Amino acid sequence: MPKDHQYYYADGRKTDANVFLKSQLEWGKFLLFGDLQYRRVSHNSSGTDNDLRRVNFRFERGFFNPKAGIVWRQSQRSQWSASVNVAHREPNRSDFTDRAPATGIPEPERMIDWEAGYRYNARKWLLVVNAYYMDYFRQLVLTGMVNDVGNPLRQNVDRSYRAGIELQGAWQLNRAFRLEGNLSLSQNRN
């Protein structure tokens, strides 16, 4: 092979811009919060990959990601919270270049995250409980296959979810020692 042999050549450009507005309002024992984000992504590539396949793609999308929640401070030590968030994520470059032709062009995923929690903070101990339900649309999931250099491949699935509960606890034994632990139980389905 010649000294200056070109193994492959591809030109790619990705731009990502976003603007957001964030606000919170305290009203008695309540804290209301919200977030509005608009994100614009442009990802383009042309050329050949290492197996000399054409890797031409053009991806442009705008995403609106709102978030809203409330915290109720029941007492100085006890508080409840709830929130809902929408998030989007675009495919990676490898989702376009390494996909099997039969899988179709990758789509961005959307997730709606519902959460509710409780926190109790005593003088010597802490308890936090958080429940969540993450509802996915077109989630990009690992297929179990790898490309020619061992990187994992992903493809969209129509619907999937993650639901669970997270527990966290701590106990201050003395000034020098603190015992902490956490437990997460979840169910994840495609």
Protein backbone atom coordinates (compact mmCIF):
# COMPACT_ATOMS: atom_id res chain seq x y z
CA MET A 1 0.00 0.00 0.00
CA PRO A 2 1.39 3.46 -0.86
CA LYS A 3 2.70 5.60 1.98
CA ASP A 4 0.03 8.30 1.60
CA HIS A 5 -2.88 5.89 0.91
CA GLN A 6 -6.17 7.32 2.13
CA TYR A 7 -8.00 4.68 4.18
CA TYR A 8 -11.31 6.57 4.01
CA TYR A 9 -12.52 10.12 3.65
CA ALA A 10 -15.64 11.71 5.09
CA ASP A 11 -16.51 15.27 5.90
CA GLY A 12 -18.97 15.93 8.72
CA ARG A 13 -20.34 18.95 10.50
CA LYS A 14 -22.63 19.17 13.51
CA THR A 15 -24.08 22.34 14.98
CA ASP A 16 -26.16 22.51 18.14
CA ALA A 17 -27.80 25.69 19.40
CA ASN A 18 -30.28 26.21 22.19
CA VAL A 19 -32.09 28.89 24.13
CA PHE A 20 -33.94 28.46 27.38
CA LEU A 21 -36.09 30.28 29.87
CA LYS A 22 -36.08 29.18 33.49
CA SER A 23 -38.29 30.40 36.30
CA GLN A 24 -39.33 29.58 39.84
CA LEU A 25 -41.94 31.03 42.14
CA GLU A 26 -42.17 30.66 45.91
CA TRP A 27 -45.71 30.76 47.24
CA GLY A 28 -46.03 30.05 50.94
CA LYS A 29 -44.82 26.48 51.53
CA PHE A 30 -44.77 25.78 47.77
CA LEU A 31 -42.04 26.19 45.19
CA LEU A 32 -43.18 26.09 41.56
CA PHE A 33 -40.54 25.76 38.85
CA GLY A 34 -40.48 25.58 35.09
CA ASP A 35 -38.07 25.37 32.23
CA LEU A 36 -38.62 25.97 28.51
CA GLN A 37 -35.85 24.98 26.13
CA TYR A 38 -35.69 25.08 22.34
CA ARG A 39 -32.80 23.21 20.76
CA ARG A 40 -31.84 23.15 17.07
CA VAL A 41 -29.50 20.43 15.76
CA SER A 42 -27.99 20.13 12.29
CA HIS A 43 -25.78 17.15 11.50
CA ASN A 44 -24.48 16.49 7.97
CA SER A 45 -21.88 14.15 6.54
CA SER A 46 -20.63 13.08 3.13
CA GLY A 47 -17.90 10.79 1.89
CA THR A 48 -16.97 7.16 2.45
CA ASP A 49 -16.52 5.04 5.54
CA ASN A 50 -13.66 2.61 6.15
CA ASP A 51 -15.53 -0.14 4.23
CA LEU A 52 -15.87 2.34 1.29
CA ARG A 53 -19.67 2.63 1.74
CA ARG A 54 -21.12 6.08 1.11
CA VAL A 55 -21.95 7.84 4.40
CA ASN A 56 -24.05 10.71 3.12
CA PHE A 57 -26.72 11.92 5.50
CA ARG A 58 -28.42 15.15 6.45
CA PHE A 59 -30.25 15.58 9.76
CA GLU A 60 -31.91 18.81 10.88
CA ARG A 61 -34.46 19.08 13.67
CA GLY A 62 -35.77 21.45 16.28
CA PHE A 63 -36.71 20.15 19.72
CA PHE A 64 -38.91 21.74 22.38
CA ASN A 65 -38.09 20.45 25.89
CA PRO A 66 -40.40 21.77 28.63
CA LYS A 67 -40.14 20.97 32.35
CA ALA A 68 -42.51 21.79 35.20
CA GLY A 69 -42.66 20.84 38.86
CA ILE A 70 -43.76 21.64 42.36
CA VAL A 71 -42.19 21.20 45.80
CA TRP A 72 -44.30 21.33 48.97
CA ARG A 73 -42.32 21.99 52.14
CA GLN A 74 -44.64 20.26 54.60
CA SER A 75 -42.35 21.17 57.50
CA GLN A 76 -38.77 22.19 58.11
CA ARG A 77 -37.71 18.54 57.80
CA SER A 78 -40.25 17.10 55.36
CA GLN A 79 -40.95 17.90 51.70
CA TRP A 80 -42.86 16.39 48.76
CA SER A 81 -42.14 16.98 45.07
CA ALA A 82 -43.53 16.16 41.63
CA SER A 83 -42.37 17.01 38.13
CA VAL A 84 -42.86 16.22 34.46
CA ASN A 85 -40.16 16.72 31.82
CA VAL A 86 -39.96 16.21 28.07
CA ALA A 87 -36.57 15.52 26.48
CA HIS A 88 -35.39 14.69 22.97
CA ARG A 89 -32.13 13.16 21.81
CA GLU A 90 -30.85 12.95 18.25
CA PRO A 91 -29.12 9.90 16.72
CA ASN A 92 -25.31 9.74 16.84
CA ARG A 93 -23.20 9.82 13.70
CA SER A 94 -22.63 6.06 14.02
CA ASP A 95 -26.41 5.48 14.09
CA PHE A 96 -26.43 6.82 10.51
CA THR A 97 -23.16 5.35 9.22
CA ASP A 98 -23.23 1.86 10.79
CA ARG A 99 -26.93 1.01 10.50
CA ALA A 100 -28.05 -2.04 8.59
CA PRO A 101 -29.83 -0.89 5.41
CA ALA A 102 -33.00 -2.79 6.39
CA THR A 103 -33.39 -0.85 9.67
CA GLY A 104 -34.29 2.46 8.02
CA ILE A 105 -33.03 5.94 8.78
CA PRO A 106 -32.65 6.56 12.54
CA GLU A 107 -35.13 8.94 14.15
CA PRO A 108 -34.67 11.11 17.25
CA GLU A 109 -36.06 9.73 20.47
CA ARG A 110 -38.52 11.48 22.78
CA MET A 111 -38.97 10.80 26.48
CA ILE A 112 -41.59 12.02 28.93
CA ASP A 113 -40.37 11.67 32.52
CA TRP A 114 -42.89 11.71 35.38
CA GLU A 115 -41.41 11.85 38.90
CA ALA A 116 -42.70 12.12 42.47
CA GLY A 117 -40.66 12.13 45.64
CA TYR A 118 -40.53 12.55 49.39
CA ARG A 119 -37.60 13.73 51.53
CA TYR A 120 -37.31 13.63 55.32
CA ASN A 121 -34.21 15.19 56.86
CA ALA A 122 -33.90 14.70 60.64
CA ARG A 123 -30.96 15.84 62.74
CA LYS A 124 -29.09 12.52 62.54
CA TRP A 125 -30.74 10.75 59.61
CA LEU A 126 -32.09 11.27 56.11
CA LEU A 127 -34.65 9.38 54.01
CA VAL A 128 -35.35 10.09 50.31
CA VAL A 129 -37.88 8.19 48.17
CA ASN A 130 -38.32 8.93 44.46
CA ALA A 131 -40.64 7.18 41.99
CA TYR A 132 -40.38 7.67 38.23
CA TYR A 133 -41.93 6.61 34.94
CA MET A 134 -39.98 7.37 31.77
CA ASP A 135 -42.12 6.88 28.66
CA TYR A 136 -40.03 6.61 25.47
CA PHE A 137 -41.08 7.07 21.85
CA ARG A 138 -38.63 5.82 19.18
CA GLN A 139 -35.94 5.09 21.79
CA LEU A 140 -32.55 4.21 20.31
CA VAL A 141 -31.62 0.87 21.90
CA LEU A 142 -28.66 -1.47 21.58
CA THR A 143 -29.32 -4.34 19.15
CA GLY A 144 -26.67 -6.75 20.47
CA MET A 145 -24.74 -6.43 17.21
CA VAL A 146 -21.45 -4.59 16.71
CA ASN A 147 -19.84 -2.90 13.71
CA ASP A 148 -16.57 -3.98 12.07
CA VAL A 149 -14.46 -2.45 14.86
CA GLY A 150 -16.59 -3.65 17.79
CA ASN A 151 -18.73 -0.57 18.51
CA PRO A 152 -22.31 -1.43 19.51
CA LEU A 153 -25.15 -0.78 17.05
CA ARG A 154 -28.49 0.85 17.92
CA GLN A 155 -31.87 1.16 16.28
CA ASN A 156 -35.21 2.77 17.09
CA VAL A 157 -37.97 0.83 18.85
CA ASP A 158 -41.52 2.12 18.68
CA ARG A 159 -42.35 2.30 22.41
CA SER A 160 -40.48 1.53 25.61
CA TYR A 161 -40.47 2.60 29.23
CA ARG A 162 -38.47 2.62 32.45
CA ALA A 163 -40.33 2.67 35.75
CA GLY A 164 -38.94 2.41 39.22
CA ILE A 165 -38.37 3.61 42.71
CA GLU A 166 -35.16 4.92 44.26
CA LEU A 167 -34.49 4.86 48.00
CA GLN A 168 -31.70 6.71 49.75
CA GLY A 169 -30.88 6.79 53.43
CA ALA A 170 -28.20 8.14 55.72
CA TRP A 171 -27.48 7.98 59.43
CA GLN A 172 -24.91 10.18 61.16
CA LEU A 173 -23.32 7.80 63.72
CA ASN A 174 -21.05 10.46 65.22
CA ARG A 175 -18.96 13.42 64.07
CA ALA A 176 -16.54 11.19 62.17
CA PHE A 177 -18.81 8.50 60.70
CA ARG A 178 -21.86 8.63 58.49
CA LEU A 179 -23.55 5.50 57.15
CA GLU A 180 -25.21 5.90 53.74
CA GLY A 181 -26.99 3.56 51.37
CA ASN A 182 -29.26 3.51 48.38
CA LEU A 183 -31.46 1.05 46.55
CA SER A 184 -32.95 1.29 43.08
CA LEU A 185 -35.66 -1.06 41.81
CA SER A 186 -36.79 -0.72 38.21
CA GLN A 187 -38.59 -2.37 35.33
CA ASN A 188 -37.38 -1.56 31.81
CA ARG A 189 -39.36 -2.74 28.79
CA ASN A 190 -39.12 -2.41 25.02
